[in-house]
Every structure is written in structure tokens, then in C-alpha cells.
Protein backbone atom coordinates (compact mmCIF):
# COMPACT_ATOMS: atom_id res chain seq x y z
CA UNK A 1 184.64 137.94 269.79
CA UNK A 2 180.90 138.15 270.43
CA UNK A 3 179.09 134.81 270.22
CA UNK A 4 176.12 136.50 268.50
CA UNK A 5 178.12 137.57 265.42
CA UNK A 6 177.95 135.45 262.30
CA UNK A 7 181.22 134.18 260.94
CA UNK A 8 179.84 134.52 257.39
CA UNK A 9 176.55 135.55 255.85
CA UNK A 10 176.92 133.44 252.69
CA UNK A 11 178.78 130.37 251.51
CA UNK A 12 181.13 132.44 249.33
CA UNK A 13 184.55 133.34 250.69
CA UNK A 14 187.29 135.80 249.78
CA UNK A 15 191.00 135.77 250.49
CA UNK A 16 190.58 138.71 252.87
CA UNK A 17 187.95 136.69 254.78
CA UNK A 18 190.36 133.76 255.06
CA UNK A 19 193.08 136.08 256.35
CA UNK A 20 190.69 137.40 259.00
CA UNK A 21 189.53 133.88 259.93
CA UNK A 22 193.14 132.78 260.29
CA UNK A 23 193.95 135.79 262.48
CA UNK A 24 190.96 135.34 264.81
CA UNK A 25 191.19 131.55 264.98
CA UNK A 26 194.92 131.87 265.71
CA UNK A 27 194.20 134.20 268.63
CA UNK A 28 191.56 131.84 270.03
CA UNK A 29 193.83 128.80 269.57
CA UNK A 30 196.68 130.50 271.39
CA UNK A 31 194.93 132.60 274.03
CA UNK A 32 191.91 130.45 274.91
CA UNK A 33 193.26 126.94 274.30
CA UNK A 34 196.99 127.45 274.78
CA UNK A 35 197.93 125.82 271.48
CA UNK A 36 201.57 126.21 270.48
CA UNK A 37 201.85 126.16 266.70
CA UNK A 38 204.32 126.71 263.91
CA UNK A 39 203.51 129.71 261.68
CA UNK A 40 200.83 128.84 259.11
CA UNK A 41 201.00 129.06 255.34
CA UNK A 42 197.53 128.59 253.88
CA UNK A 43 197.22 127.61 250.22
CA UNK A 44 194.06 127.15 248.16
CA UNK A 45 193.90 124.22 245.72
CA UNK A 46 191.33 122.86 243.26
CA UNK A 47 189.58 119.49 243.45
CA UNK A 48 191.86 118.26 240.67
CA UNK A 49 194.94 119.28 242.64
CA UNK A 50 193.50 117.50 245.69
CA UNK A 51 192.99 114.32 243.63
CA UNK A 52 196.55 114.64 242.39
CA UNK A 53 197.77 114.90 245.98
CA UNK A 54 195.72 111.81 246.89
CA UNK A 55 197.35 109.95 244.04
CA UNK A 56 200.85 110.94 245.10
CA UNK A 57 200.37 109.77 248.69
CA UNK A 58 199.39 113.17 250.06
CA UNK A 59 202.46 115.05 248.95
CA UNK A 60 201.71 117.99 246.66
CA UNK A 61 205.29 117.87 245.35
CA UNK A 62 207.53 114.94 244.67
CA UNK A 63 208.79 112.51 242.10
CA UNK A 64 206.60 111.29 239.24
CA UNK A 65 205.76 107.63 238.80
CA UNK A 66 203.35 105.90 236.43
CA UNK A 67 201.40 104.36 239.33
CA UNK A 68 200.41 107.86 240.52
CA UNK A 69 198.72 108.51 237.17
CA UNK A 70 196.84 105.23 237.44
CA UNK A 71 195.71 106.11 240.97
CA UNK A 72 194.69 109.61 239.82
CA UNK A 73 192.41 108.17 237.11
CA UNK A 74 190.77 105.80 239.61
CA UNK A 75 190.30 108.59 242.16
CA UNK A 76 188.93 111.01 239.56
CA UNK A 77 186.42 108.46 238.23
CA UNK A 78 185.15 107.66 241.71
CA UNK A 79 184.91 111.36 242.60
CA UNK A 80 183.10 112.36 239.39
CA UNK A 81 180.63 109.48 239.80
CA UNK A 82 179.86 110.57 243.35
CA UNK A 83 181.31 107.37 244.78
CA UNK A 84 183.74 109.23 247.01
CA UNK A 85 184.32 112.66 248.45
CA UNK A 86 187.59 114.49 248.90
CA UNK A 87 189.32 115.69 252.02
CA UNK A 88 188.72 119.33 252.84
CA UNK A 89 192.43 119.85 253.42
CA UNK A 90 195.90 118.39 253.36
CA UNK A 91 198.45 119.48 255.94
CA UNK A 92 202.22 119.31 255.64
CA UNK A 93 203.53 119.20 259.21
CA UNK A 94 206.49 121.47 258.64
CA UNK A 95 207.78 124.80 259.91
CA UNK A 96 205.94 126.75 258.61
CA UNK A 97 202.92 124.44 258.63
CA UNK A 98 201.38 124.31 255.15
CA UNK A 99 197.61 123.80 254.97
CA UNK A 100 196.10 123.19 251.53
CA UNK A 101 192.38 124.08 251.52
CA UNK A 102 190.03 123.19 248.68
CA UNK A 103 188.64 126.18 246.83
CA UNK A 104 185.24 124.43 246.62
CA UNK A 105 184.82 124.64 250.42
CA UNK A 106 182.20 127.06 251.70
CA UNK A 107 183.20 130.03 253.87
CA UNK A 108 182.14 128.19 257.03
CA UNK A 109 184.01 125.05 255.97
CA UNK A 110 187.15 127.11 255.30
CA UNK A 111 186.96 128.49 258.85
CA UNK A 112 186.49 124.99 260.29
CA UNK A 113 189.36 123.61 258.21
CA UNK A 114 191.66 126.44 259.30
CA UNK A 115 190.83 125.70 262.94
CA UNK A 116 191.17 121.93 262.52
CA UNK A 117 194.14 121.66 260.17
CA UNK A 118 196.14 124.86 260.47
CA UNK A 119 195.91 124.92 264.27
CA UNK A 120 194.82 121.47 265.49
CA UNK A 121 197.15 119.31 263.37
CA UNK A 122 199.85 121.95 263.62
CA UNK A 123 199.81 122.06 267.43
CA UNK A 124 199.59 118.28 267.74
CA UNK A 125 202.66 117.68 265.63
CA UNK A 126 204.65 120.55 267.11
CA UNK A 127 204.06 119.14 270.58
CA UNK A 128 204.36 115.45 269.67
CA UNK A 129 207.40 113.87 271.33
CA UNK A 130 208.08 111.31 268.60
CA UNK A 131 207.60 113.83 265.80
CA UNK A 132 210.06 116.23 267.43
CA UNK A 133 212.53 113.44 268.17
CA UNK A 134 212.66 111.97 264.66
CA UNK A 135 211.69 114.89 262.44
CA UNK A 136 213.17 118.29 261.73
CA UNK A 137 210.06 120.34 260.91
CA UNK A 138 212.05 123.17 259.35
CA UNK A 139 213.73 120.74 256.91
CA UNK A 140 210.61 118.90 255.66
CA UNK A 141 209.98 121.33 252.82
CA UNK A 142 213.50 120.66 251.50
CA UNK A 143 212.54 117.01 251.01
CA UNK A 144 209.32 117.65 249.06
């Protein structure tokens, strides 16, 4: 890919752009950096869904408990008041690797998050000795 080409010419993104980013970043991650990754599943979520994931300890699915609602209200108040930001992504280190990206991210931020989360976190956990020893990546989704 030519270094003089722009990755995006505006902050707006489309799903087809994200598919292309994922394809190109995946090639660079594998061919240029030798990253070994699980297949990626990229999902787009809203800020409210991200706050909900924060409140439920980072898991987008799981059991309901009253304390999660309390934590959600605290997180939402802090976010709406500008007293905290939100993560750009949440990654479930499974096979396939699931990366949740916030829809409010700009096109450039989506590309950076795909590179960081969908390939960086993914490769780290796939190659991590302790993770492989104690975790079955293909069974994680069954526990969510």
C-alpha cells in the first residue's frame, strides 16, 4: 500500500470502509509483522452499549445483577458530564476474536482500533503461553 495514500478523506466511516480496513490491516499484521491471530469478528456498538459493558465488567453478555445497574448510572452520569471518556473498543479474546468498536469513533480511529484491538490484542492472547494453557479460546463464547 502506498504511503502517500490517505486512509480516509473525512471522519465519517461506512461498513464497506471498515471491511476494507480490516482486510488491509490484516494483511499488514500477518505479512509485515508476522502476527498470528484468530479470525476477527468486528461489531459496532453505541456509547450506551459501551457503558453497559463497563458496568457488567467488560462482558457484553452475562447475568444481570442490581449492582450493574448502579454502576451503569454512575458511569453514564460521569460520561454525560464530561468527567470521563469511554474506551474505543472492547475485545473478547476468543476464537473468533470479537472486537466491539464504538460507532462514535471517526474513520481514522476505527482503523487504529482495528489494528490495535482486532490484531494486537488478538495476536498477544493467541500467542500467550498462560492464556493458551488455562483457556480454551474456542469455548469462551459458550460461557458468555
